[in-house]
């Protein structure tokens, strides 16, 4: 869990919904790459992203349309090196669900090592529509 200095979970405003950050991982997006080009790298990453989105329908990938357009064109600039994945939860749940539970949304983006992932997450999720993207998870007994 990602906590603030006072022991509380980090909170983020996602549209009108208040969500808490449960996990954040930063990884080297080029780890294991021996050679390639910026365009080839985007194509491989896009294949991986689309596979992850099929398995996890509540995954929001920031700038996905731009990644798709870049993969189709002749791009000579590398993606930022860091791939960041965050998992947020909220007590909000759809009105048509009566059972107790919460909602969850995963977010993915690319950034440079100089960028603060917590601040970047706040900027990315502020305009996101939680109610249409998040998945309801019932509480287990």
N, C-alpha and C. Protein backbone atom coordinates (compact mmCIF):
# COMPACT_ATOMS: atom_id res chain seq x y z
N UNK A 1 0.84 -1.18 0.00
CA UNK A 1 0.00 0.00 0.00
C UNK A 1 0.89 1.25 0.00
N UNK A 2 0.42 2.27 -0.67
CA UNK A 2 1.14 3.53 -0.76
C UNK A 2 0.55 4.50 0.26
N UNK A 3 1.33 4.81 1.30
CA UNK A 3 0.82 5.67 2.35
C UNK A 3 1.49 7.02 2.35
N UNK A 4 0.76 8.01 2.87
CA UNK A 4 1.33 9.33 3.08
C UNK A 4 2.13 9.28 4.38
N UNK A 5 2.76 10.36 4.75
CA UNK A 5 3.55 10.40 5.98
C UNK A 5 2.73 10.18 7.24
N UNK A 6 1.44 10.43 7.20
CA UNK A 6 0.61 10.28 8.40
C UNK A 6 -0.11 8.93 8.45
N UNK A 7 0.30 7.96 7.64
CA UNK A 7 -0.27 6.62 7.70
C UNK A 7 -1.50 6.40 6.85
N UNK A 8 -2.01 7.44 6.20
CA UNK A 8 -3.19 7.30 5.34
C UNK A 8 -2.76 6.95 3.92
N UNK A 9 -3.67 6.31 3.18
CA UNK A 9 -3.39 6.02 1.77
C UNK A 9 -3.40 7.32 0.98
N UNK A 10 -2.58 7.39 -0.07
CA UNK A 10 -2.59 8.57 -0.95
C UNK A 10 -3.92 8.63 -1.68
N UNK A 11 -4.56 9.78 -1.64
CA UNK A 11 -5.83 9.96 -2.32
C UNK A 11 -5.67 10.74 -3.60
N UNK A 12 -6.50 10.43 -4.59
CA UNK A 12 -6.50 11.10 -5.88
C UNK A 12 -7.93 11.41 -6.30
N UNK A 13 -8.11 12.56 -6.94
CA UNK A 13 -9.40 12.92 -7.49
C UNK A 13 -9.46 12.40 -8.91
N UNK A 14 -10.43 11.52 -9.19
CA UNK A 14 -10.61 10.95 -10.53
C UNK A 14 -11.99 11.38 -10.99
N UNK A 15 -12.05 12.48 -11.76
CA UNK A 15 -13.34 13.06 -12.08
C UNK A 15 -13.99 13.46 -10.77
N UNK A 16 -15.26 13.10 -10.54
CA UNK A 16 -15.92 13.45 -9.29
C UNK A 16 -15.66 12.43 -8.16
N UNK A 17 -14.93 11.38 -8.44
CA UNK A 17 -14.71 10.28 -7.48
C UNK A 17 -13.38 10.45 -6.76
N UNK A 18 -13.37 10.17 -5.46
CA UNK A 18 -12.13 10.15 -4.68
C UNK A 18 -11.64 8.71 -4.62
N UNK A 19 -10.40 8.47 -5.02
CA UNK A 19 -9.83 7.13 -5.06
C UNK A 19 -8.54 7.09 -4.26
N UNK A 20 -8.18 5.90 -3.81
CA UNK A 20 -6.96 5.70 -3.04
C UNK A 20 -5.97 4.86 -3.83
N UNK A 21 -4.72 5.25 -3.78
CA UNK A 21 -3.66 4.51 -4.47
C UNK A 21 -3.29 3.29 -3.64
N UNK A 22 -3.41 2.11 -4.23
CA UNK A 22 -3.09 0.85 -3.54
C UNK A 22 -1.74 0.30 -3.93
N UNK A 23 -1.31 0.57 -5.17
CA UNK A 23 -0.02 0.06 -5.64
C UNK A 23 0.49 0.94 -6.77
N UNK A 24 1.81 1.10 -6.84
CA UNK A 24 2.43 1.83 -7.93
C UNK A 24 3.78 1.18 -8.19
N UNK A 25 3.99 0.75 -9.44
CA UNK A 25 5.27 0.15 -9.80
C UNK A 25 5.86 0.90 -10.99
N UNK A 26 7.16 1.05 -10.96
CA UNK A 26 7.90 1.68 -12.05
C UNK A 26 8.92 0.67 -12.53
N UNK A 27 8.93 0.42 -13.85
CA UNK A 27 9.88 -0.54 -14.40
C UNK A 27 10.57 0.04 -15.63
N UNK A 28 11.72 -0.53 -15.94
CA UNK A 28 12.48 -0.12 -17.12
C UNK A 28 11.81 -0.75 -18.33
N UNK A 29 11.24 0.08 -19.19
CA UNK A 29 10.49 -0.43 -20.33
C UNK A 29 11.38 -1.06 -21.40
N UNK A 30 12.67 -0.80 -21.35
CA UNK A 30 13.56 -1.37 -22.36
C UNK A 30 14.39 -2.52 -21.81
N UNK A 31 14.09 -2.95 -20.60
CA UNK A 31 14.83 -4.06 -20.01
C UNK A 31 14.70 -5.29 -20.89
N UNK A 32 15.81 -5.93 -21.17
CA UNK A 32 15.80 -7.13 -21.99
C UNK A 32 15.88 -6.87 -23.49
N UNK A 33 15.80 -5.60 -23.89
CA UNK A 33 15.91 -5.28 -25.32
C UNK A 33 17.37 -5.28 -25.74
N UNK A 34 17.70 -6.06 -26.73
CA UNK A 34 19.07 -6.10 -27.22
C UNK A 34 19.29 -5.12 -28.36
N UNK A 35 18.29 -4.95 -29.20
CA UNK A 35 18.37 -4.00 -30.30
C UNK A 35 16.96 -3.68 -30.78
N UNK A 36 16.85 -2.70 -31.64
CA UNK A 36 15.54 -2.33 -32.17
C UNK A 36 15.51 -0.87 -32.56
N UNK A 37 14.34 -0.43 -32.93
CA UNK A 37 14.12 0.96 -33.32
C UNK A 37 12.97 1.51 -32.49
N UNK A 38 12.84 2.83 -32.41
CA UNK A 38 11.71 3.40 -31.67
C UNK A 38 10.36 2.91 -32.17
N UNK A 39 10.21 2.77 -33.47
CA UNK A 39 8.93 2.31 -34.03
C UNK A 39 8.68 0.85 -33.66
N UNK A 40 9.68 0.00 -33.78
CA UNK A 40 9.53 -1.41 -33.43
C UNK A 40 9.22 -1.56 -31.94
N UNK A 41 9.89 -0.76 -31.12
CA UNK A 41 9.64 -0.77 -29.68
C UNK A 41 8.18 -0.44 -29.40
N UNK A 42 7.64 0.58 -30.06
CA UNK A 42 6.23 0.95 -29.87
C UNK A 42 5.30 -0.18 -30.30
N UNK A 43 5.61 -0.82 -31.40
CA UNK A 43 4.75 -1.92 -31.87
C UNK A 43 4.72 -3.07 -30.86
N UNK A 44 5.89 -3.43 -30.33
CA UNK A 44 5.94 -4.50 -29.33
C UNK A 44 5.21 -4.10 -28.06
N UNK A 45 5.40 -2.87 -27.61
CA UNK A 45 4.72 -2.40 -26.41
C UNK A 45 3.21 -2.36 -26.63
N UNK A 46 2.79 -1.92 -27.79
CA UNK A 46 1.37 -1.84 -28.10
C UNK A 46 0.74 -3.23 -28.10
N UNK A 47 1.44 -4.22 -28.64
CA UNK A 47 0.93 -5.60 -28.61
C UNK A 47 0.77 -6.06 -27.16
N UNK A 48 1.74 -5.76 -26.32
CA UNK A 48 1.66 -6.13 -24.91
C UNK A 48 0.54 -5.41 -24.19
N UNK A 49 0.37 -4.12 -24.50
CA UNK A 49 -0.68 -3.32 -23.87
C UNK A 49 -2.06 -3.86 -24.27
N UNK A 50 -2.25 -4.14 -25.55
CA UNK A 50 -3.55 -4.64 -26.01
C UNK A 50 -3.87 -6.01 -25.41
N UNK A 51 -2.86 -6.83 -25.23
CA UNK A 51 -3.05 -8.13 -24.57
C UNK A 51 -3.45 -7.91 -23.10
N UNK A 52 -2.79 -6.98 -22.42
CA UNK A 52 -3.11 -6.68 -21.02
C UNK A 52 -4.51 -6.09 -20.89
N UNK A 53 -4.92 -5.25 -21.85
CA UNK A 53 -6.25 -4.65 -21.82
C UNK A 53 -7.33 -5.71 -22.04
N UNK A 54 -7.05 -6.71 -22.86
CA UNK A 54 -8.02 -7.77 -23.07
C UNK A 54 -8.21 -8.60 -21.80
N UNK A 55 -7.12 -8.80 -21.06
CA UNK A 55 -7.18 -9.58 -19.83
C UNK A 55 -7.71 -8.75 -18.66
N UNK A 56 -7.52 -7.44 -18.71
CA UNK A 56 -7.91 -6.54 -17.61
C UNK A 56 -8.72 -5.39 -18.20
N UNK A 57 -10.03 -5.54 -18.36
CA UNK A 57 -10.84 -4.50 -19.01
C UNK A 57 -10.88 -3.17 -18.25
N UNK A 58 -10.49 -3.15 -17.00
CA UNK A 58 -10.48 -1.92 -16.23
C UNK A 58 -9.09 -1.27 -16.20
N UNK A 59 -8.29 -1.53 -17.25
CA UNK A 59 -6.97 -0.91 -17.41
C UNK A 59 -7.11 0.31 -18.32
N UNK A 60 -6.69 1.46 -17.81
CA UNK A 60 -6.68 2.69 -18.60
C UNK A 60 -5.24 3.00 -18.95
N UNK A 61 -4.94 3.11 -20.25
CA UNK A 61 -3.58 3.41 -20.71
C UNK A 61 -3.58 4.85 -21.21
N UNK A 62 -2.83 5.69 -20.52
CA UNK A 62 -2.75 7.10 -20.87
C UNK A 62 -2.06 7.26 -22.23
N UNK A 63 -2.61 8.09 -23.08
CA UNK A 63 -2.09 8.38 -24.43
C UNK A 63 -2.08 7.16 -25.34
N UNK A 64 -3.04 6.26 -25.16
CA UNK A 64 -3.10 5.05 -25.99
C UNK A 64 -3.30 5.38 -27.47
N UNK A 65 -4.15 6.34 -27.78
CA UNK A 65 -4.37 6.72 -29.19
C UNK A 65 -3.09 7.22 -29.83
N UNK A 66 -2.30 7.98 -29.08
CA UNK A 66 -1.02 8.48 -29.60
C UNK A 66 -0.05 7.32 -29.83
N UNK A 67 -0.02 6.37 -28.90
CA UNK A 67 0.85 5.20 -29.09
C UNK A 67 0.46 4.42 -30.33
N UNK A 68 -0.85 4.26 -30.55
CA UNK A 68 -1.32 3.54 -31.74
C UNK A 68 -0.93 4.29 -33.02
N UNK A 69 -1.11 5.60 -33.02
CA UNK A 69 -0.76 6.40 -34.20
C UNK A 69 0.75 6.35 -34.46
N UNK A 70 1.55 6.43 -33.39
CA UNK A 70 3.00 6.37 -33.54
C UNK A 70 3.46 5.02 -34.08
N UNK A 71 2.80 3.95 -33.66
CA UNK A 71 3.17 2.60 -34.11
C UNK A 71 2.91 2.44 -35.61
N UNK A 72 1.95 3.18 -36.14
CA UNK A 72 1.63 3.11 -37.56
C UNK A 72 2.53 4.01 -38.42
N UNK A 73 3.13 5.01 -37.81
CA UNK A 73 3.95 5.97 -38.56
C UNK A 73 5.42 5.65 -38.47
N UNK A 74 6.22 6.55 -38.97
CA UNK A 74 7.67 6.43 -38.91
C UNK A 74 8.18 7.31 -37.77
N UNK A 75 8.34 6.74 -36.59
CA UNK A 75 8.74 7.47 -35.40
C UNK A 75 10.21 7.21 -35.13
N UNK A 76 10.95 8.28 -34.90
CA UNK A 76 12.38 8.15 -34.64
C UNK A 76 12.73 8.46 -33.18
N UNK A 77 11.73 8.79 -32.39
CA UNK A 77 11.97 9.15 -30.98
C UNK A 77 11.52 7.99 -30.09
N UNK A 78 12.37 7.63 -29.13
CA UNK A 78 12.04 6.55 -28.21
C UNK A 78 10.95 6.98 -27.23
N UNK A 79 10.15 6.01 -26.80
CA UNK A 79 9.21 6.25 -25.69
C UNK A 79 10.03 6.57 -24.45
N UNK A 80 9.47 7.33 -23.51
CA UNK A 80 10.18 7.49 -22.25
C UNK A 80 10.48 6.12 -21.66
N UNK A 81 11.57 6.01 -20.97
CA UNK A 81 12.10 4.71 -20.57
C UNK A 81 11.30 4.00 -19.47
N UNK A 82 10.62 4.74 -18.61
CA UNK A 82 9.92 4.12 -17.49
C UNK A 82 8.46 3.82 -17.82
N UNK A 83 8.05 2.59 -17.55
CA UNK A 83 6.64 2.20 -17.65
C UNK A 83 6.11 2.19 -16.23
N UNK A 84 5.00 2.88 -16.00
CA UNK A 84 4.44 2.98 -14.66
C UNK A 84 3.04 2.37 -14.64
N UNK A 85 2.76 1.57 -13.62
CA UNK A 85 1.46 0.94 -13.42
C UNK A 85 0.96 1.34 -12.04
N UNK A 86 -0.26 1.80 -11.96
CA UNK A 86 -0.87 2.17 -10.68
C UNK A 86 -2.21 1.46 -10.55
N UNK A 87 -2.55 1.11 -9.31
CA UNK A 87 -3.87 0.51 -9.03
C UNK A 87 -4.55 1.37 -7.98
N UNK A 88 -5.75 1.84 -8.33
CA UNK A 88 -6.54 2.70 -7.44
C UNK A 88 -7.84 2.00 -7.08
N UNK A 89 -8.34 2.29 -5.87
CA UNK A 89 -9.64 1.77 -5.47
C UNK A 89 -10.48 2.90 -4.92
N UNK A 90 -11.79 2.70 -4.94
CA UNK A 90 -12.73 3.69 -4.39
C UNK A 90 -13.91 2.96 -3.76
N UNK A 91 -14.51 3.60 -2.78
CA UNK A 91 -15.71 3.06 -2.16
C UNK A 91 -16.93 3.30 -3.03
N UNK A 92 -16.78 4.13 -4.08
CA UNK A 92 -17.90 4.35 -5.00
C UNK A 92 -18.25 3.03 -5.66
N UNK A 93 -19.54 2.81 -5.85
CA UNK A 93 -19.96 1.64 -6.61
C UNK A 93 -21.20 2.02 -7.43
N UNK A 94 -21.44 1.32 -8.54
CA UNK A 94 -22.60 1.63 -9.39
C UNK A 94 -23.90 1.54 -8.60
N UNK A 95 -24.84 2.41 -8.94
CA UNK A 95 -26.13 2.46 -8.24
C UNK A 95 -26.93 1.17 -8.39
N UNK A 96 -26.75 0.44 -9.49
CA UNK A 96 -27.54 -0.77 -9.71
C UNK A 96 -26.99 -2.01 -9.00
N UNK A 97 -25.94 -1.83 -8.19
CA UNK A 97 -25.36 -2.96 -7.46
C UNK A 97 -25.62 -2.74 -5.97
N UNK A 98 -26.32 -3.70 -5.37
CA UNK A 98 -26.70 -3.57 -3.96
C UNK A 98 -25.71 -4.25 -3.02
N UNK A 99 -24.95 -5.24 -3.53
CA UNK A 99 -24.04 -5.96 -2.64
C UNK A 99 -22.85 -5.09 -2.26
N UNK A 100 -22.27 -5.32 -1.07
CA UNK A 100 -21.15 -4.50 -0.63
C UNK A 100 -19.88 -4.80 -1.45
N UNK A 101 -19.10 -3.77 -1.67
CA UNK A 101 -17.86 -3.91 -2.41
C UNK A 101 -17.23 -2.56 -2.69
N UNK A 102 -16.33 -2.55 -3.63
CA UNK A 102 -15.65 -1.32 -4.03
C UNK A 102 -15.33 -1.40 -5.53
N UNK A 103 -14.77 -0.34 -6.07
CA UNK A 103 -14.38 -0.34 -7.48
C UNK A 103 -12.87 -0.16 -7.58
N UNK A 104 -12.31 -0.68 -8.68
CA UNK A 104 -10.88 -0.64 -8.89
C UNK A 104 -10.60 -0.20 -10.33
N UNK A 105 -9.51 0.53 -10.50
CA UNK A 105 -9.06 0.96 -11.82
C UNK A 105 -7.54 0.90 -11.85
N UNK A 106 -6.99 0.30 -12.90
CA UNK A 106 -5.55 0.27 -13.12
C UNK A 106 -5.21 1.30 -14.19
N UNK A 107 -4.08 1.97 -14.02
CA UNK A 107 -3.65 3.02 -14.93
C UNK A 107 -2.20 2.73 -15.33
N UNK A 108 -1.90 2.93 -16.61
CA UNK A 108 -0.55 2.71 -17.11
C UNK A 108 -0.12 3.91 -17.95
N UNK A 109 1.17 4.28 -17.85
CA UNK A 109 1.71 5.35 -18.67
C UNK A 109 3.23 5.20 -18.75
N UNK A 110 3.83 6.00 -19.63
CA UNK A 110 5.28 6.03 -19.80
C UNK A 110 5.77 7.40 -19.37
N UNK A 111 6.94 7.44 -18.72
CA UNK A 111 7.50 8.71 -18.27
C UNK A 111 9.02 8.61 -18.19
N UNK A 112 9.65 9.77 -18.00
CA UNK A 112 11.10 9.81 -17.82
C UNK A 112 11.42 9.62 -16.35
N UNK A 113 12.66 9.26 -16.05
CA UNK A 113 13.08 9.05 -14.66
C UNK A 113 13.01 10.33 -13.84
N UNK A 114 13.09 11.48 -14.49
CA UNK A 114 13.06 12.75 -13.78
C UNK A 114 11.65 13.13 -13.29
N UNK A 115 10.63 12.52 -13.85
CA UNK A 115 9.25 12.86 -13.47
C UNK A 115 8.84 12.13 -12.20
N UNK A 116 8.05 12.81 -11.37
CA UNK A 116 7.50 12.24 -10.15
C UNK A 116 6.26 11.43 -10.51
N UNK A 117 6.27 10.10 -10.31
CA UNK A 117 5.12 9.29 -10.73
C UNK A 117 3.83 9.62 -9.97
N UNK A 118 3.93 10.07 -8.73
CA UNK A 118 2.74 10.41 -7.95
C UNK A 118 2.08 11.67 -8.49
N UNK A 119 2.88 12.67 -8.81
CA UNK A 119 2.33 13.90 -9.40
C UNK A 119 1.79 13.64 -10.80
N UNK A 120 2.49 12.82 -11.56
CA UNK A 120 2.05 12.49 -12.92
C UNK A 120 0.71 11.75 -12.87
N UNK A 121 0.56 10.82 -11.92
CA UNK A 121 -0.69 10.09 -11.76
C UNK A 121 -1.84 11.06 -11.49
N UNK A 122 -1.62 12.03 -10.63
CA UNK A 122 -2.67 13.01 -10.30
C UNK A 122 -3.12 13.75 -11.56
N UNK A 123 -2.18 14.14 -12.39
CA UNK A 123 -2.51 14.85 -13.64
C UNK A 123 -3.26 13.94 -14.61
N UNK A 124 -2.84 12.70 -14.72
CA UNK A 124 -3.46 11.76 -15.66
C UNK A 124 -4.89 11.43 -15.27
N UNK A 125 -5.13 11.14 -13.99
CA UNK A 125 -6.45 10.64 -13.60
C UNK A 125 -7.50 11.72 -13.35
N UNK A 126 -7.08 12.95 -13.16
CA UNK A 126 -8.05 14.02 -12.86
C UNK A 126 -9.21 14.07 -13.86
N UNK A 127 -8.98 14.00 -15.18
CA UNK A 127 -10.11 14.07 -16.13
C UNK A 127 -10.74 12.71 -16.48
N UNK A 128 -10.24 11.62 -15.93
CA UNK A 128 -10.71 10.28 -16.29
C UNK A 128 -12.11 10.04 -15.72
N UNK A 129 -12.94 9.31 -16.48
CA UNK A 129 -14.29 8.97 -16.04
C UNK A 129 -14.28 7.64 -15.29
N UNK A 130 -14.12 7.72 -13.99
CA UNK A 130 -14.06 6.52 -13.15
C UNK A 130 -15.29 5.64 -13.32
N UNK A 131 -16.46 6.27 -13.37
CA UNK A 131 -17.71 5.52 -13.40
C UNK A 131 -17.85 4.63 -14.63
N UNK A 132 -17.22 4.98 -15.73
CA UNK A 132 -17.33 4.15 -16.93
C UNK A 132 -16.15 3.17 -17.08
N UNK A 133 -15.05 3.42 -16.41
CA UNK A 133 -13.86 2.58 -16.59
C UNK A 133 -13.59 1.60 -15.46
N UNK A 134 -14.00 1.95 -14.23
CA UNK A 134 -13.67 1.12 -13.07
C UNK A 134 -14.48 -0.17 -13.04
N UNK A 135 -13.92 -1.16 -12.38
CA UNK A 135 -14.57 -2.48 -12.23
C UNK A 135 -15.06 -2.62 -10.80
N UNK A 136 -16.28 -3.12 -10.64
CA UNK A 136 -16.81 -3.40 -9.32
C UNK A 136 -16.25 -4.72 -8.79
N UNK A 137 -15.81 -4.72 -7.54
CA UNK A 137 -15.29 -5.92 -6.90
C UNK A 137 -16.07 -6.14 -5.61
N UNK A 138 -16.87 -7.22 -5.54
CA UNK A 138 -17.63 -7.48 -4.31
C UNK A 138 -16.70 -7.93 -3.18
N UNK A 139 -17.12 -7.63 -1.95
CA UNK A 139 -16.35 -8.09 -0.79
C UNK A 139 -16.53 -9.59 -0.66
N UNK A 140 -15.46 -10.27 -0.27
CA UNK A 140 -15.51 -11.71 -0.05
C UNK A 140 -15.74 -11.96 1.43
N UNK A 141 -16.50 -12.98 1.73
CA UNK A 141 -16.79 -13.31 3.14
C UNK A 141 -15.61 -13.93 3.81
